């Protein structure tokens, strides 16, 4: 088998550039598009009882997303295509992945309608389906293609770099919208235009690794002969996997609350123009990317677990400050607080974008060493299955919490999302403390990896 070059690693990581663009639209703007962020918004009301409808739609969509993960992983792990087990799925799923994301924002009726609710629900489910068909094989390919845990940190560093750059582009939507509206474009189309550009770019980026990476040059598939249920049970039986999965799950519940409400923190709690969303994003990304070399150095020097614990503790403190935003604003003002949010969150974002993915890939390699079977797709799907089922509950809870059951977000609801995020990320600290990464790295090193 060939050793993947740095150039090919960059080509492979374009899939995460796609994920940041396409997934970022859904994560950051689905609620703000259908549930107004401010009373001054001119966006039309497409949904009847928007808050409840979006809660139900997102909940159902996330459940569908969760239950399709093991199914797609099983299909991929058992695939006999001459192209390999992963890239064949990526080629077919890339274009629909971006297309159905875009169609979510084009409901057919101009006013509040049940038809629009059905449209958004169906398009969102199809988006989740093709997202799974692309990203589960793609994640498995990443875990398989690099065997050295240290080089794997570099792989996920590049992944994270591409992801945050594309996420930053998505957060520029607010500035693009403002610029287009100053030119006379209605607010509705001032959002749809950048969404269209991002979905096209995301689809092209998703196609790149599917065609540029010759999978069988780098991966020698091991035999795989397990049912979905048996594979899930076997995967979950490892104590380290259970610990890291529960910790990751709890951490991402916190992130889901925070990411969903981030625009509201700036515009509602801090009472700043939505262009500040872009400013905060640029600050956090610029500083975070600057710390990527430090993440790689510390991963080698102190290990992955201490870094992850430190990042989660920092998140806990930041969410606490946002919950007590009135005190902070009284002391330093809204603009200063926004800048501090961008600065403080930068290094933890760098860590949590790189380290958990690397740890799960280490676990997948450890599983292959122990069992002789290469079931990386199922291994990563088992993580996603539990994660997404819980996020389905969060999707419902966050939508209702933001609005308090009304049609628009309230300051009290937005503030409570920060409290919930703080509690959950503090719980992740407690769970992660039990993870034994030394056992995993030792087994990989003994197998021939550099560790």
Protein backbone atom coordinates (compact mmCIF):
# COMPACT_ATOMS: atom_id res chain seq x y z
CA UNK A 1 0.00 0.00 0.00
CA UNK A 2 1.16 3.52 -0.79
CA UNK A 3 1.74 6.11 1.92
CA UNK A 4 -0.52 9.09 1.31
CA UNK A 5 1.32 12.31 0.49
CA UNK A 6 0.57 15.68 2.04
CA UNK A 7 -0.78 16.86 -1.30
CA UNK A 8 -3.30 14.01 -1.39
CA UNK A 9 -4.23 14.75 2.23
CA UNK A 10 -5.20 18.27 1.17
CA UNK A 11 -7.27 16.82 -1.69
CA UNK A 12 -8.95 14.38 0.70
CA UNK A 13 -9.81 17.15 3.11
CA UNK A 14 -11.85 19.05 0.54
CA UNK A 15 -14.72 16.87 1.72
CA UNK A 16 -14.64 18.75 5.00
CA UNK A 17 -14.59 22.04 3.13
CA UNK A 18 -17.85 20.84 1.59
CA UNK A 19 -19.25 19.80 4.96
CA UNK A 20 -18.51 23.22 6.42
CA UNK A 21 -20.28 25.02 3.57
CA UNK A 22 -23.33 22.80 3.17
CA UNK A 23 -23.79 21.71 6.77
CA UNK A 24 -23.03 25.21 8.02
CA UNK A 25 -26.04 26.62 6.19
CA UNK A 26 -28.36 24.18 7.95
CA UNK A 27 -26.70 24.56 11.35
CA UNK A 28 -26.46 28.34 11.40
CA UNK A 29 -29.34 29.60 9.28
CA UNK A 30 -32.17 27.07 9.23
CA UNK A 31 -33.83 28.53 12.32
CA UNK A 32 -33.01 32.17 11.57
CA UNK A 33 -34.52 31.77 8.08
CA UNK A 34 -37.82 30.35 9.29
CA UNK A 35 -37.96 31.94 12.77
CA UNK A 36 -37.09 35.68 12.64
CA UNK A 37 -34.14 36.82 14.76
CA UNK A 38 -35.50 40.37 15.21
CA UNK A 39 -38.79 42.21 14.83
CA UNK A 40 -37.23 44.27 12.01
CA UNK A 41 -36.71 41.21 9.78
CA UNK A 42 -38.55 41.37 6.44
CA UNK A 43 -38.34 37.63 5.84
CA UNK A 44 -41.77 36.19 5.05
CA UNK A 45 -43.40 33.69 7.39
CA UNK A 46 -43.41 30.40 5.49
CA UNK A 47 -44.60 28.10 8.28
CA UNK A 48 -47.72 27.86 10.37
CA UNK A 49 -46.65 28.09 14.05
CA UNK A 50 -43.04 28.31 12.96
CA UNK A 51 -41.34 27.42 16.26
CA UNK A 52 -43.33 24.22 16.85
CA UNK A 53 -43.20 23.22 13.18
CA UNK A 54 -39.42 23.64 13.03
CA UNK A 55 -39.00 21.71 16.27
CA UNK A 56 -40.96 18.76 14.87
CA UNK A 57 -39.26 18.90 11.45
CA UNK A 58 -35.75 19.06 12.89
CA UNK A 59 -36.52 16.32 15.40
CA UNK A 60 -37.84 13.93 12.73
CA UNK A 61 -35.01 14.82 10.35
CA UNK A 62 -32.34 14.17 12.95
CA UNK A 63 -33.88 10.80 13.90
CA UNK A 64 -33.88 9.78 10.22
CA UNK A 65 -30.29 10.98 9.99
CA UNK A 66 -29.33 8.88 13.00
CA UNK A 67 -30.96 5.61 11.97
CA UNK A 68 -29.55 5.74 8.44
CA UNK A 69 -25.95 5.96 9.72
CA UNK A 70 -25.58 2.24 10.60
CA UNK A 71 -27.39 1.23 7.39
CA UNK A 72 -25.07 3.31 5.19
CA UNK A 73 -22.02 2.15 7.17
CA UNK A 74 -23.01 -1.49 6.63
CA UNK A 75 -23.50 -0.89 2.89
CA UNK A 76 -20.11 0.80 2.66
CA UNK A 77 -18.21 -1.76 4.76
CA UNK A 78 -19.63 -4.62 2.66
CA UNK A 79 -19.25 -2.85 -0.71
CA UNK A 80 -17.37 -4.87 -3.38
CA UNK A 81 -16.98 -2.07 -5.95
CA UNK A 82 -13.69 -2.09 -7.92
CA UNK A 83 -13.39 1.61 -6.98
CA UNK A 84 -13.27 0.73 -3.28
CA UNK A 85 -15.76 0.72 -0.42
CA UNK A 86 -15.95 4.47 0.18
CA UNK A 87 -15.41 6.67 -2.88
CA UNK A 88 -18.16 5.01 -4.90
CA UNK A 89 -20.74 6.30 -2.39
CA UNK A 90 -19.12 9.72 -2.28
CA UNK A 91 -19.37 10.13 -6.07
CA UNK A 92 -23.10 9.43 -6.18
CA UNK A 93 -24.05 11.41 -3.08
CA UNK A 94 -22.06 14.64 -3.55
CA UNK A 95 -24.43 16.54 -5.87
CA UNK A 96 -27.74 15.62 -4.13
CA UNK A 97 -26.08 16.51 -0.82
CA UNK A 98 -25.77 20.16 -1.88
CA UNK A 99 -28.96 20.26 -3.94
CA UNK A 100 -31.37 19.19 -1.19
CA UNK A 101 -29.71 21.55 1.29
CA UNK A 102 -30.50 24.43 -1.07
CA UNK A 103 -34.07 23.31 -1.78
CA UNK A 104 -34.90 23.50 1.94
CA UNK A 105 -34.90 27.29 1.55
CA UNK A 106 -37.24 27.35 -1.47
CA UNK A 107 -40.67 26.41 -0.11
CA UNK A 108 -43.32 26.67 -2.87
CA UNK A 109 -45.97 28.83 -1.15
CA UNK A 110 -45.28 32.51 -0.47
CA UNK A 111 -47.12 32.71 2.88
CA UNK A 112 -47.62 30.53 5.98
CA UNK A 113 -48.70 27.10 4.76
CA UNK A 114 -48.83 23.47 5.78
CA UNK A 115 -47.55 22.70 2.28
CA UNK A 116 -44.37 24.60 3.11
CA UNK A 117 -43.97 22.60 6.31
CA UNK A 118 -44.19 19.35 4.35
CA UNK A 119 -41.76 20.70 1.72
CA UNK A 120 -39.18 21.75 4.31
CA UNK A 121 -39.55 18.44 6.16
CA UNK A 122 -39.10 16.30 3.02
CA UNK A 123 -36.17 18.35 1.69
CA UNK A 124 -34.47 18.28 5.08
CA UNK A 125 -34.86 14.48 5.34
CA UNK A 126 -33.39 14.06 1.85
CA UNK A 127 -30.56 16.40 2.80
CA UNK A 128 -29.80 14.29 5.87
CA UNK A 129 -29.97 11.08 3.83
CA UNK A 130 -27.45 12.21 1.22
CA UNK A 131 -25.31 13.83 3.88
CA UNK A 132 -25.06 10.40 5.50
CA UNK A 133 -24.44 8.65 2.17
CA UNK A 134 -21.49 10.98 1.62
CA UNK A 135 -20.06 11.61 5.07
CA UNK A 136 -20.12 8.12 6.63
CA UNK A 137 -17.98 6.59 3.83
CA UNK A 138 -15.87 9.76 3.75
CA UNK A 139 -15.17 9.61 7.50
CA UNK A 140 -14.32 5.91 7.23
CA UNK A 141 -11.90 6.63 4.39
CA UNK A 142 -10.16 9.25 6.52
CA UNK A 143 -9.79 6.80 9.41
CA UNK A 144 -8.34 4.11 7.12
CA UNK A 145 -6.03 6.12 4.92
CA UNK A 146 -3.52 7.22 7.62
CA UNK A 147 -2.20 4.60 10.06
CA UNK A 148 0.18 6.70 12.19
CA UNK A 149 -1.65 8.42 15.11
CA UNK A 150 0.69 11.43 14.95
CA UNK A 151 0.24 11.94 11.20
CA UNK A 152 -3.46 11.43 11.81
CA UNK A 153 -3.42 14.59 13.94
CA UNK A 154 -1.98 16.41 10.90
CA UNK A 155 -4.75 14.97 8.70
CA UNK A 156 -7.46 16.21 11.04
CA UNK A 157 -5.67 19.53 11.40
CA UNK A 158 -5.98 20.06 7.65
CA UNK A 159 -9.58 18.83 7.85
CA UNK A 160 -10.33 21.36 10.54
CA UNK A 161 -8.58 24.14 8.63
CA UNK A 162 -10.72 23.51 5.58
CA UNK A 163 -13.84 23.15 7.71
CA UNK A 164 -13.37 26.41 9.60
CA UNK A 165 -12.51 28.32 6.42
CA UNK A 166 -15.73 27.14 4.82
CA UNK A 167 -17.65 27.82 8.03
CA UNK A 168 -16.25 31.35 7.99
CA UNK A 169 -17.56 31.77 4.46
CA UNK A 170 -21.00 30.73 5.67
CA UNK A 171 -20.85 33.26 8.49
CA UNK A 172 -20.08 35.93 5.89
CA UNK A 173 -23.69 35.44 4.82
CA UNK A 174 -24.72 38.25 7.17
CA UNK A 175 -22.36 40.72 5.51
CA UNK A 176 -23.29 39.51 2.03
CA UNK A 177 -26.96 39.88 2.90
CA UNK A 178 -26.46 43.43 4.15
CA UNK A 179 -24.51 44.38 1.03
CA UNK A 180 -27.13 42.93 -1.31
CA UNK A 181 -29.96 44.60 0.59
CA UNK A 182 -28.20 47.97 0.29
CA UNK A 183 -28.23 47.33 -3.46
CA UNK A 184 -31.99 46.84 -3.41
CA UNK A 185 -32.18 43.04 -3.18
CA UNK A 186 -35.02 41.81 -0.88
CA UNK A 187 -33.86 40.12 2.32
CA UNK A 188 -35.24 36.75 1.18
CA UNK A 189 -33.07 36.68 -1.94
CA UNK A 190 -30.17 38.34 -0.14
CA UNK A 191 -30.00 35.04 1.79
CA UNK A 192 -30.88 32.68 -1.05
CA UNK A 193 -28.14 34.02 -3.32
CA UNK A 194 -25.19 33.20 -0.98
CA UNK A 195 -26.86 29.90 -0.04
CA UNK A 196 -26.91 28.96 -3.74
CA UNK A 197 -23.26 29.88 -4.24
CA UNK A 198 -22.21 27.93 -1.15
CA UNK A 199 -24.18 24.81 -2.12
CA UNK A 200 -22.65 24.79 -5.62
CA UNK A 201 -19.14 25.24 -4.21
CA UNK A 202 -19.85 22.60 -1.57
CA UNK A 203 -21.02 20.08 -4.15
CA UNK A 204 -17.89 20.62 -6.26
CA UNK A 205 -15.64 20.29 -3.19
CA UNK A 206 -17.41 17.06 -2.22
CA UNK A 207 -16.75 15.60 -5.68
CA UNK A 208 -13.01 16.38 -5.54
CA UNK A 209 -11.79 13.67 -3.10
CA UNK A 210 -14.20 11.15 -4.58
CA UNK A 211 -12.40 11.39 -7.93
CA UNK A 212 -8.88 12.50 -6.93
CA UNK A 213 -8.23 9.78 -4.33
CA UNK A 214 -7.67 6.26 -5.65
CA UNK A 215 -8.87 4.43 -2.58
CA UNK A 216 -7.31 1.04 -3.30
CA UNK A 217 -3.84 2.61 -3.58
CA UNK A 218 -3.94 3.33 0.16
CA UNK A 219 -6.41 0.93 1.78
CA UNK A 220 -6.44 -2.85 1.85
CA UNK A 221 -9.96 -3.86 2.96
CA UNK A 222 -10.19 -6.48 5.68
CA UNK A 223 -13.05 -9.00 5.53
CA UNK A 224 -16.27 -7.84 7.16
CA UNK A 225 -19.09 -10.27 7.98
CA UNK A 226 -21.32 -8.83 10.70
CA UNK A 227 -24.93 -7.74 10.83
CA UNK A 228 -25.69 -4.14 11.67
CA UNK A 229 -26.88 -5.05 15.16
CA UNK A 230 -23.92 -7.34 15.95
CA UNK A 231 -21.49 -4.69 14.72
CA UNK A 232 -23.11 -2.01 16.87
CA UNK A 233 -22.99 -4.26 19.94
CA UNK A 234 -19.37 -5.28 19.36
CA UNK A 235 -18.29 -1.70 18.78
CA UNK A 236 -20.04 -0.39 21.88
CA UNK A 237 -18.53 -3.15 24.04
CA UNK A 238 -15.13 -1.43 24.27
CA UNK A 239 -14.99 0.62 27.49
CA UNK A 240 -12.86 3.33 25.87
CA UNK A 241 -15.29 3.61 22.98
CA UNK A 242 -18.24 3.90 25.37
CA UNK A 243 -16.45 6.63 27.37
CA UNK A 244 -15.34 8.71 24.39
CA UNK A 245 -18.73 8.33 22.69
CA UNK A 246 -20.74 9.42 25.72
CA UNK A 247 -18.36 12.33 26.32
CA UNK A 248 -18.50 13.34 22.67
CA UNK A 249 -22.28 13.02 22.66
CA UNK A 250 -22.69 15.25 25.72
CA UNK A 251 -20.17 17.74 24.36
CA UNK A 252 -22.02 18.00 21.06
CA UNK A 253 -25.35 18.47 22.79
CA UNK A 254 -23.73 21.56 24.31
CA UNK A 255 -22.30 22.63 20.94
CA UNK A 256 -25.68 22.13 19.25
CA UNK A 257 -27.35 24.48 21.71
CA UNK A 258 -24.51 26.99 21.36
CA UNK A 259 -24.16 26.82 17.57
CA UNK A 260 -27.89 27.06 17.00
CA UNK A 261 -28.14 30.13 19.23
CA UNK A 262 -24.83 31.83 18.31
CA UNK A 263 -26.43 34.35 15.95
CA UNK A 264 -28.98 35.15 18.67
CA UNK A 265 -26.24 35.72 21.27
CA UNK A 266 -24.80 38.50 19.13
CA UNK A 267 -28.00 40.08 17.86
CA UNK A 268 -30.36 39.47 20.79
CA UNK A 269 -28.34 39.38 24.01
CA UNK A 270 -25.52 41.74 23.01
CA UNK A 271 -27.88 43.90 20.89
CA UNK A 272 -25.34 44.19 18.07
CA UNK A 273 -25.88 44.31 14.32
CA UNK A 274 -25.78 40.90 12.65
CA UNK A 275 -22.57 41.91 10.86
CA UNK A 276 -20.94 41.28 14.24
CA UNK A 277 -21.63 37.58 13.70
CA UNK A 278 -19.10 37.74 10.90
CA UNK A 279 -16.60 39.72 12.99
CA UNK A 280 -16.73 37.20 15.85
CA UNK A 281 -16.40 34.33 13.41
CA UNK A 282 -13.39 35.89 11.69
CA UNK A 283 -11.67 36.54 15.03
CA UNK A 284 -12.24 33.01 16.33
CA UNK A 285 -11.19 31.38 13.07
CA UNK A 286 -8.10 33.53 12.51
CA UNK A 287 -6.82 33.00 16.05
CA UNK A 288 -7.87 29.34 16.05
CA UNK A 289 -6.07 28.57 12.79
CA UNK A 290 -2.96 30.31 14.13
CA UNK A 291 -2.97 27.82 17.03
CA UNK A 292 -3.14 24.71 14.82
CA UNK A 293 0.63 24.12 14.94
CA UNK A 294 0.40 24.35 18.74
CA UNK A 295 -2.36 21.70 18.76
CA UNK A 296 -0.08 19.33 16.82
CA UNK A 297 2.86 19.99 19.15
CA UNK A 298 0.83 19.57 22.33
CA UNK A 299 -0.82 16.39 21.01
CA UNK A 300 2.64 14.85 20.81
CA UNK A 301 3.92 16.33 24.08
CA UNK A 302 1.02 16.05 26.52
CA UNK A 303 -1.42 13.74 24.73
CA UNK A 304 -4.89 14.20 23.32
CA UNK A 305 -6.94 13.66 26.48
CA UNK A 306 -5.52 16.59 28.56
CA UNK A 307 -6.04 18.95 25.65
CA UNK A 308 -9.67 17.91 25.23
CA UNK A 309 -10.32 18.34 28.95
CA UNK A 310 -8.80 21.83 28.92
CA UNK A 311 -10.90 22.87 25.91
CA UNK A 312 -14.14 21.72 27.56
CA UNK A 313 -13.31 23.54 30.81
CA UNK A 314 -12.76 26.74 28.79
CA UNK A 315 -16.10 26.26 27.04
CA UNK A 316 -17.80 25.87 30.42
CA UNK A 317 -16.43 29.22 31.61
CA UNK A 318 -17.40 30.99 28.39
CA UNK A 319 -20.97 29.66 28.41
CA UNK A 320 -21.27 30.78 32.02
CA UNK A 321 -20.21 34.30 31.00
CA UNK A 322 -22.79 34.37 28.19
CA UNK A 323 -25.51 33.24 30.59
CA UNK A 324 -24.54 36.15 32.85
CA UNK A 325 -24.28 38.52 29.89
CA UNK A 326 -25.89 41.47 31.65
CA UNK A 327 -23.10 41.59 34.23
CA UNK A 328 -20.41 41.27 31.57
CA UNK A 329 -21.95 43.94 29.32
CA UNK A 330 -22.29 46.29 32.28
CA UNK A 331 -18.57 45.85 32.97
CA UNK A 332 -17.04 45.97 29.48
CA UNK A 333 -19.83 46.63 26.93
CA UNK A 334 -21.37 44.51 24.18
CA UNK A 335 -18.74 45.00 21.44
CA UNK A 336 -15.86 44.13 23.80
CA UNK A 337 -17.73 41.05 25.00
CA UNK A 338 -18.27 39.92 21.39
CA UNK A 339 -14.55 40.27 20.68
CA UNK A 340 -13.68 38.34 23.85
CA UNK A 341 -16.03 35.53 22.80
CA UNK A 342 -14.17 35.27 19.50
CA UNK A 343 -10.76 35.28 21.18
CA UNK A 344 -11.52 32.90 24.06
CA UNK A 345 -13.28 30.28 21.98
CA UNK A 346 -10.56 30.13 19.29
CA UNK A 347 -8.10 27.64 20.81
CA UNK A 348 -10.81 25.32 22.22
CA UNK A 349 -12.42 25.23 18.78
CA UNK A 350 -9.08 24.24 17.27
CA UNK A 351 -8.74 21.42 19.80
CA UNK A 352 -12.28 20.07 19.54
CA UNK A 353 -12.20 20.23 15.74
CA UNK A 354 -9.01 18.16 15.56
CA UNK A 355 -8.57 15.93 18.61
CA UNK A 356 -11.90 14.02 18.93
CA UNK A 357 -11.87 13.00 15.25
CA UNK A 358 -8.30 11.77 15.63
CA UNK A 359 -9.21 9.83 18.78
CA UNK A 360 -12.12 8.08 17.04
CA UNK A 361 -9.86 7.16 14.12
CA UNK A 362 -7.36 5.73 16.63
CA UNK A 363 -10.17 3.65 18.12
CA UNK A 364 -11.23 2.38 14.68
CA UNK A 365 -7.63 1.30 13.98
CA UNK A 366 -7.44 -0.32 17.42
CA UNK A 367 -10.63 -2.23 16.61
CA UNK A 368 -9.05 -3.57 13.39
CA UNK A 369 -5.96 -4.67 15.32
CA UNK A 370 -8.07 -6.54 17.87
CA UNK A 371 -10.62 -8.16 15.54
CA UNK A 372 -8.86 -8.43 12.18
CA UNK A 373 -11.89 -6.83 10.54
CA UNK A 374 -11.82 -3.40 8.94
CA UNK A 375 -15.25 -2.00 9.80
CA UNK A 376 -14.33 1.65 10.10
CA UNK A 377 -17.63 2.75 8.57
CA UNK A 378 -19.69 0.93 11.17
CA UNK A 379 -17.39 2.05 13.95
CA UNK A 380 -17.88 5.73 13.11
CA UNK A 381 -21.60 5.20 12.43
CA UNK A 382 -22.09 3.74 15.90
CA UNK A 383 -20.74 6.99 17.33
CA UNK A 384 -22.97 9.07 15.06
CA UNK A 385 -26.03 6.92 15.76
CA UNK A 386 -26.02 7.65 19.49
CA UNK A 387 -24.97 11.24 18.93
CA UNK A 388 -27.72 12.09 16.46
CA UNK A 389 -30.49 10.42 18.43
CA UNK A 390 -29.72 12.73 21.33
CA UNK A 391 -29.39 15.70 19.01
CA UNK A 392 -32.89 14.96 17.75
CA UNK A 393 -34.14 15.77 21.24
CA UNK A 394 -31.92 18.85 21.32
CA UNK A 395 -33.30 20.02 17.98
CA UNK A 396 -36.80 20.05 19.42
CA UNK A 397 -35.78 21.49 22.79
CA UNK A 398 -33.59 24.27 21.39
CA UNK A 399 -36.22 25.50 18.93
CA UNK A 400 -38.84 25.69 21.68
CA UNK A 401 -36.42 27.10 24.26
CA UNK A 402 -35.33 29.94 21.97
CA UNK A 403 -38.85 31.15 21.34
CA UNK A 404 -40.65 30.10 24.50
CA UNK A 405 -43.37 28.75 22.20
CA UNK A 406 -43.88 32.10 20.43
CA UNK A 407 -43.02 32.94 16.83
CA UNK A 408 -39.73 34.74 17.53
CA UNK A 409 -36.68 34.27 19.73
CA UNK A 410 -36.75 35.87 23.19
CA UNK A 411 -33.82 37.07 25.30
CA UNK A 412 -34.84 34.77 28.13
CA UNK A 413 -34.93 31.76 25.81
CA UNK A 414 -31.59 32.63 24.21
CA UNK A 415 -30.00 33.06 27.65
CA UNK A 416 -31.24 29.63 28.76
CA UNK A 417 -29.54 27.93 25.82
CA UNK A 418 -26.19 29.14 27.20
CA UNK A 419 -27.03 27.66 30.61
CA UNK A 420 -27.94 24.30 29.08
CA UNK A 421 -24.75 24.30 27.00
CA UNK A 422 -22.69 25.08 30.10
CA UNK A 423 -24.19 22.20 32.10
CA UNK A 424 -23.66 19.65 29.32
CA UNK A 425 -20.09 20.60 28.46
CA UNK A 426 -19.21 20.43 32.18
CA UNK A 427 -20.63 16.89 32.12
CA UNK A 428 -18.35 16.07 29.18
CA UNK A 429 -15.34 17.04 31.30
CA UNK A 430 -16.36 14.47 33.91
CA UNK A 431 -16.86 11.72 31.31
CA UNK A 432 -13.65 12.36 29.35
CA UNK A 433 -11.60 12.10 32.54
CA UNK A 434 -12.10 8.30 32.48
CA UNK A 435 -10.73 7.81 28.93
CA UNK A 436 -7.51 5.74 28.67
CA UNK A 437 -5.77 6.91 25.52
CA UNK A 438 -2.46 5.30 26.47
CA UNK A 439 -3.85 1.79 25.87
CA UNK A 440 -4.96 2.71 22.34
CA UNK A 441 -1.68 4.35 21.31
CA UNK A 442 0.36 1.50 22.80
CA UNK A 443 -1.54 -1.10 20.74
CA UNK A 444 -1.10 0.90 17.53
CA UNK A 445 2.62 1.41 18.20
CA UNK A 446 3.11 -2.32 18.81
CA UNK A 447 1.37 -3.05 15.50
CA UNK A 448 3.91 -0.92 13.66
CA UNK A 449 2.54 2.65 13.86
CA UNK A 450 4.86 5.32 15.20
CA UNK A 451 2.37 6.37 17.92
